[in-house]
N, C-alpha and C. Protein backbone atom coordinates (compact mmCIF):
# COMPACT_ATOMS: atom_id res chain seq x y z
N MET A 1 93.76 83.36 0.50
CA MET A 1 93.76 82.44 1.62
C MET A 1 92.58 82.75 2.53
N ALA A 2 92.18 81.79 3.28
CA ALA A 2 91.01 81.91 4.14
C ALA A 2 91.30 82.74 5.39
N ASP A 3 90.23 83.12 6.07
CA ASP A 3 90.37 83.85 7.34
C ASP A 3 90.61 82.86 8.47
N PHE A 4 91.61 83.16 9.27
CA PHE A 4 91.94 82.32 10.42
C PHE A 4 91.52 83.02 11.70
N GLU A 5 90.96 82.26 12.62
CA GLU A 5 90.67 82.74 13.97
C GLU A 5 91.94 82.59 14.78
N ILE A 6 92.34 83.62 15.50
CA ILE A 6 93.60 83.59 16.25
C ILE A 6 93.31 83.60 17.75
N LYS A 7 93.96 82.67 18.45
CA LYS A 7 93.84 82.59 19.91
C LYS A 7 95.24 82.48 20.51
N HIS A 8 95.41 83.13 21.65
CA HIS A 8 96.68 83.06 22.38
C HIS A 8 96.44 82.23 23.64
N GLY A 9 97.43 81.45 24.03
CA GLY A 9 97.27 80.63 25.21
C GLY A 9 98.60 80.32 25.87
N ILE A 10 98.50 79.61 26.96
CA ILE A 10 99.68 79.16 27.70
C ILE A 10 99.48 77.68 28.00
N TRP A 11 100.50 76.89 27.65
CA TRP A 11 100.49 75.46 27.89
C TRP A 11 101.45 75.17 29.03
N GLU A 12 101.05 74.31 29.97
CA GLU A 12 101.92 73.94 31.08
C GLU A 12 102.55 72.59 30.80
N SER A 13 103.88 72.56 30.79
CA SER A 13 104.60 71.31 30.53
C SER A 13 104.54 70.41 31.76
N LYS A 14 104.99 69.17 31.59
CA LYS A 14 104.99 68.20 32.69
C LYS A 14 105.83 68.67 33.87
N ASP A 15 106.88 69.44 33.59
CA ASP A 15 107.74 69.93 34.68
C ASP A 15 107.31 71.30 35.20
N GLY A 16 106.11 71.75 34.82
CA GLY A 16 105.55 72.98 35.37
C GLY A 16 105.91 74.26 34.64
N LYS A 17 106.68 74.18 33.54
CA LYS A 17 107.01 75.39 32.78
C LYS A 17 105.79 75.87 32.01
N LEU A 18 105.62 77.19 31.97
CA LEU A 18 104.52 77.79 31.22
C LEU A 18 105.06 78.26 29.86
N ILE A 19 104.44 77.76 28.79
CA ILE A 19 104.91 78.03 27.44
C ILE A 19 103.80 78.73 26.66
N LYS A 20 104.09 79.94 26.18
CA LYS A 20 103.10 80.70 25.41
C LYS A 20 103.03 80.15 23.99
N TYR A 21 101.82 80.21 23.41
CA TYR A 21 101.64 79.82 22.02
C TYR A 21 100.55 80.67 21.39
N THR A 22 100.54 80.70 20.06
CA THR A 22 99.48 81.34 19.29
C THR A 22 98.92 80.31 18.35
N LYS A 23 97.60 80.16 18.36
CA LYS A 23 96.94 79.16 17.53
C LYS A 23 96.05 79.86 16.51
N GLU A 24 96.27 79.54 15.23
CA GLU A 24 95.43 80.03 14.15
C GLU A 24 94.59 78.85 13.67
N SER A 25 93.29 79.04 13.55
CA SER A 25 92.41 77.94 13.16
C SER A 25 91.43 78.42 12.10
N CYS A 26 91.17 77.53 11.14
CA CYS A 26 90.25 77.85 10.06
C CYS A 26 89.37 76.63 9.79
N LEU A 27 88.06 76.82 9.79
CA LEU A 27 87.13 75.75 9.47
C LEU A 27 87.26 75.42 7.99
N LEU A 28 87.41 74.13 7.68
CA LEU A 28 87.51 73.68 6.29
C LEU A 28 86.13 73.29 5.80
N ASN A 29 85.85 73.59 4.55
CA ASN A 29 84.58 73.21 3.94
C ASN A 29 84.62 71.72 3.61
N SER A 30 83.54 71.02 3.92
CA SER A 30 83.47 69.59 3.59
C SER A 30 82.01 69.22 3.37
N TYR A 31 81.82 68.01 2.83
CA TYR A 31 80.47 67.48 2.62
C TYR A 31 80.15 66.44 3.68
N ASP A 32 80.75 66.54 4.84
CA ASP A 32 80.61 65.56 5.91
C ASP A 32 79.71 66.13 7.00
N ASP A 33 78.53 65.55 7.18
CA ASP A 33 77.60 66.03 8.20
C ASP A 33 77.96 65.55 9.60
N TRP A 34 78.84 64.58 9.71
CA TRP A 34 79.18 63.99 11.00
C TRP A 34 80.39 64.63 11.66
N ASN A 35 81.22 65.32 10.88
CA ASN A 35 82.47 65.86 11.40
C ASN A 35 82.70 67.27 10.91
N GLU A 36 83.45 68.03 11.71
CA GLU A 36 83.98 69.32 11.30
C GLU A 36 85.49 69.15 11.20
N TYR A 37 86.09 69.80 10.21
CA TYR A 37 87.53 69.73 10.00
C TYR A 37 88.10 71.14 10.08
N HIS A 38 89.19 71.27 10.83
CA HIS A 38 89.84 72.57 10.99
C HIS A 38 91.31 72.44 10.64
N LEU A 39 91.81 73.41 9.89
CA LEU A 39 93.25 73.53 9.68
C LEU A 39 93.75 74.39 10.84
N GLN A 40 94.77 73.90 11.55
CA GLN A 40 95.26 74.61 12.72
C GLN A 40 96.77 74.80 12.61
N ILE A 41 97.20 76.02 12.84
CA ILE A 41 98.62 76.36 12.83
C ILE A 41 98.96 76.88 14.22
N THR A 42 99.90 76.21 14.89
CA THR A 42 100.26 76.59 16.25
C THR A 42 101.72 77.06 16.26
N ARG A 43 101.92 78.28 16.73
CA ARG A 43 103.26 78.86 16.82
C ARG A 43 103.73 78.76 18.27
N TRP A 44 104.75 77.94 18.46
CA TRP A 44 105.40 77.78 19.76
C TRP A 44 106.60 78.71 19.79
N PRO A 45 107.32 78.82 20.91
CA PRO A 45 108.45 79.75 20.97
C PRO A 45 109.50 79.54 19.87
N GLN A 46 109.77 78.30 19.46
CA GLN A 46 110.82 78.07 18.48
C GLN A 46 110.35 77.39 17.21
N THR A 47 109.17 76.82 17.20
CA THR A 47 108.69 76.08 16.04
C THR A 47 107.23 76.41 15.73
N THR A 48 106.82 75.98 14.54
CA THR A 48 105.43 76.08 14.12
C THR A 48 104.96 74.69 13.76
N SER A 49 103.77 74.30 14.23
CA SER A 49 103.22 73.00 13.85
C SER A 49 101.92 73.22 13.09
N ILE A 50 101.63 72.30 12.18
CA ILE A 50 100.40 72.36 11.40
C ILE A 50 99.63 71.08 11.66
N GLU A 51 98.35 71.23 11.98
CA GLU A 51 97.51 70.09 12.30
C GLU A 51 96.18 70.16 11.56
N ILE A 52 95.57 69.01 11.41
CA ILE A 52 94.16 68.92 11.02
C ILE A 52 93.43 68.46 12.27
N VAL A 53 92.43 69.21 12.68
CA VAL A 53 91.62 68.84 13.84
C VAL A 53 90.28 68.34 13.32
N VAL A 54 89.90 67.15 13.77
CA VAL A 54 88.63 66.55 13.39
C VAL A 54 87.75 66.55 14.63
N ILE A 55 86.61 67.24 14.54
CA ILE A 55 85.66 67.30 15.64
C ILE A 55 84.43 66.51 15.21
N SER A 56 84.15 65.44 15.95
CA SER A 56 83.05 64.55 15.60
C SER A 56 81.84 64.82 16.47
N GLY A 57 80.68 64.57 15.92
CA GLY A 57 79.46 64.82 16.66
C GLY A 57 78.41 63.75 16.46
N ASP A 58 77.35 63.92 17.15
CA ASP A 58 76.21 63.02 17.08
C ASP A 58 75.09 63.77 16.37
N GLU A 59 74.65 63.26 15.25
CA GLU A 59 73.60 63.96 14.49
C GLU A 59 72.27 64.04 15.23
N GLY A 60 72.12 63.29 16.32
CA GLY A 60 70.89 63.32 17.08
C GLY A 60 70.69 64.62 17.85
N TYR A 61 71.75 65.41 18.01
CA TYR A 61 71.67 66.66 18.74
C TYR A 61 71.71 67.82 17.78
N ASP A 62 70.94 68.86 18.05
CA ASP A 62 70.92 70.04 17.19
C ASP A 62 71.39 71.25 18.00
N SER A 63 72.61 71.15 18.51
CA SER A 63 73.17 72.25 19.29
C SER A 63 74.68 72.09 19.34
N GLU A 64 75.34 73.03 19.97
CA GLU A 64 76.79 72.96 20.11
C GLU A 64 77.21 71.74 20.91
N SER A 65 76.35 71.22 21.79
CA SER A 65 76.71 70.08 22.62
C SER A 65 76.86 68.80 21.81
N ARG A 66 76.43 68.81 20.55
CA ARG A 66 76.57 67.61 19.73
C ARG A 66 78.02 67.30 19.41
N TRP A 67 78.90 68.31 19.44
CA TRP A 67 80.30 68.10 19.12
C TRP A 67 81.02 67.56 20.35
N SER A 68 81.21 66.25 20.38
CA SER A 68 81.63 65.61 21.61
C SER A 68 83.02 65.00 21.58
N HIS A 69 83.66 64.90 20.43
CA HIS A 69 84.94 64.21 20.35
C HIS A 69 85.85 64.94 19.36
N SER A 70 87.12 65.10 19.73
CA SER A 70 88.04 65.73 18.79
C SER A 70 89.35 64.94 18.71
N GLU A 71 89.95 64.95 17.55
CA GLU A 71 91.25 64.33 17.31
C GLU A 71 92.14 65.36 16.63
N ILE A 72 93.40 65.40 17.03
CA ILE A 72 94.36 66.30 16.41
C ILE A 72 95.39 65.45 15.67
N HIS A 73 95.54 65.72 14.39
CA HIS A 73 96.50 65.02 13.55
C HIS A 73 97.62 66.00 13.20
N ARG A 74 98.77 65.90 13.91
CA ARG A 74 99.89 66.79 13.62
C ARG A 74 100.57 66.30 12.35
N LEU A 75 100.69 67.20 11.38
CA LEU A 75 101.23 66.82 10.09
C LEU A 75 102.67 67.26 9.89
N THR A 76 103.06 68.36 10.50
CA THR A 76 104.45 68.80 10.40
C THR A 76 104.76 69.77 11.53
N LYS A 77 106.04 69.86 11.84
CA LYS A 77 106.54 70.79 12.85
C LYS A 77 107.90 71.26 12.34
N LEU A 78 108.07 72.58 12.19
CA LEU A 78 109.31 73.09 11.63
C LEU A 78 109.63 74.46 12.19
N PRO A 79 110.87 74.93 12.01
CA PRO A 79 111.27 76.25 12.49
C PRO A 79 110.43 77.35 11.83
N HIS A 80 110.24 78.45 12.56
CA HIS A 80 109.42 79.55 12.06
C HIS A 80 109.85 80.05 10.69
N ALA A 81 111.15 80.26 10.49
CA ALA A 81 111.63 80.81 9.22
C ALA A 81 111.28 79.89 8.06
N GLU A 82 111.43 78.60 8.25
CA GLU A 82 111.09 77.63 7.20
C GLU A 82 109.59 77.64 6.93
N PHE A 83 108.79 77.69 7.98
CA PHE A 83 107.33 77.75 7.81
C PHE A 83 106.94 79.02 7.06
N ASN A 84 107.46 80.17 7.51
CA ASN A 84 107.09 81.45 6.89
C ASN A 84 107.45 81.49 5.40
N ALA A 85 108.57 80.90 5.04
CA ALA A 85 109.00 80.91 3.64
C ALA A 85 108.12 80.03 2.76
N GLN A 86 107.48 79.01 3.37
CA GLN A 86 106.72 78.03 2.59
C GLN A 86 105.25 77.95 2.96
N ARG A 87 104.74 78.90 3.71
CA ARG A 87 103.39 78.81 4.28
C ARG A 87 102.32 78.38 3.27
N ASP A 88 102.16 79.11 2.19
CA ASP A 88 101.08 78.81 1.23
C ASP A 88 101.25 77.43 0.61
N GLU A 89 102.49 77.08 0.22
CA GLU A 89 102.73 75.76 -0.37
C GLU A 89 102.45 74.64 0.62
N LEU A 90 102.86 74.85 1.89
CA LEU A 90 102.61 73.83 2.92
C LEU A 90 101.12 73.61 3.14
N ILE A 91 100.36 74.70 3.20
CA ILE A 91 98.92 74.58 3.42
C ILE A 91 98.27 73.83 2.26
N GLN A 92 98.65 74.15 1.03
CA GLN A 92 98.08 73.43 -0.12
C GLN A 92 98.46 71.95 -0.10
N LYS A 93 99.69 71.65 0.25
CA LYS A 93 100.15 70.26 0.32
C LYS A 93 99.38 69.50 1.41
N ILE A 94 99.17 70.16 2.54
CA ILE A 94 98.44 69.52 3.65
C ILE A 94 96.99 69.30 3.27
N LEU A 95 96.38 70.23 2.56
CA LEU A 95 95.00 70.02 2.11
C LEU A 95 94.91 68.84 1.16
N ARG A 96 95.90 68.67 0.29
CA ARG A 96 95.91 67.49 -0.60
C ARG A 96 96.00 66.20 0.21
N LEU A 97 96.88 66.17 1.20
CA LEU A 97 97.01 64.99 2.06
C LEU A 97 95.73 64.73 2.84
N ALA A 98 95.12 65.80 3.37
CA ALA A 98 93.88 65.65 4.13
C ALA A 98 92.76 65.12 3.26
N ASN A 99 92.71 65.55 2.00
CA ASN A 99 91.68 65.05 1.09
C ASN A 99 91.84 63.56 0.84
N GLU A 100 93.08 63.09 0.77
CA GLU A 100 93.31 61.66 0.60
C GLU A 100 92.81 60.88 1.81
N GLU A 101 92.97 61.45 2.99
CA GLU A 101 92.59 60.77 4.23
C GLU A 101 91.12 60.96 4.60
N PHE A 102 90.60 62.18 4.49
CA PHE A 102 89.28 62.50 5.03
C PHE A 102 88.23 62.80 3.97
N GLY A 103 88.59 62.94 2.73
CA GLY A 103 87.63 63.28 1.68
C GLY A 103 87.76 64.73 1.27
N TYR A 104 86.76 65.27 0.61
CA TYR A 104 86.81 66.60 0.01
C TYR A 104 86.83 67.70 1.07
N LEU A 105 87.97 68.43 1.17
CA LEU A 105 88.12 69.55 2.10
C LEU A 105 88.72 70.73 1.35
N THR A 106 88.18 71.92 1.58
CA THR A 106 88.74 73.14 0.99
C THR A 106 88.72 74.25 2.02
N LEU A 107 89.52 75.28 1.75
CA LEU A 107 89.50 76.47 2.60
C LEU A 107 88.33 77.33 2.23
């Protein structure tokens, strides 16, 4: 499996509650010069969600500032135990779905 970058954060809900989360992110390989694709796994207090993040850019810029737009596509959300038991299979299944939607993507 690929190397994931891990970040910890706190999300504030609409009612002001602070909710801790851990986000694992991995850049996916693609042949797309206009977009970057990331597999993202977010662990909330009771559930785990898996997303594909698409970061779009303008090829006219040759710097980090070219990445100007991002979309998050949440693909599943399930209890931690269920995610942990099926992690590798879920990631492979999600990569197959992402390939149907976005083209050739690999870890």
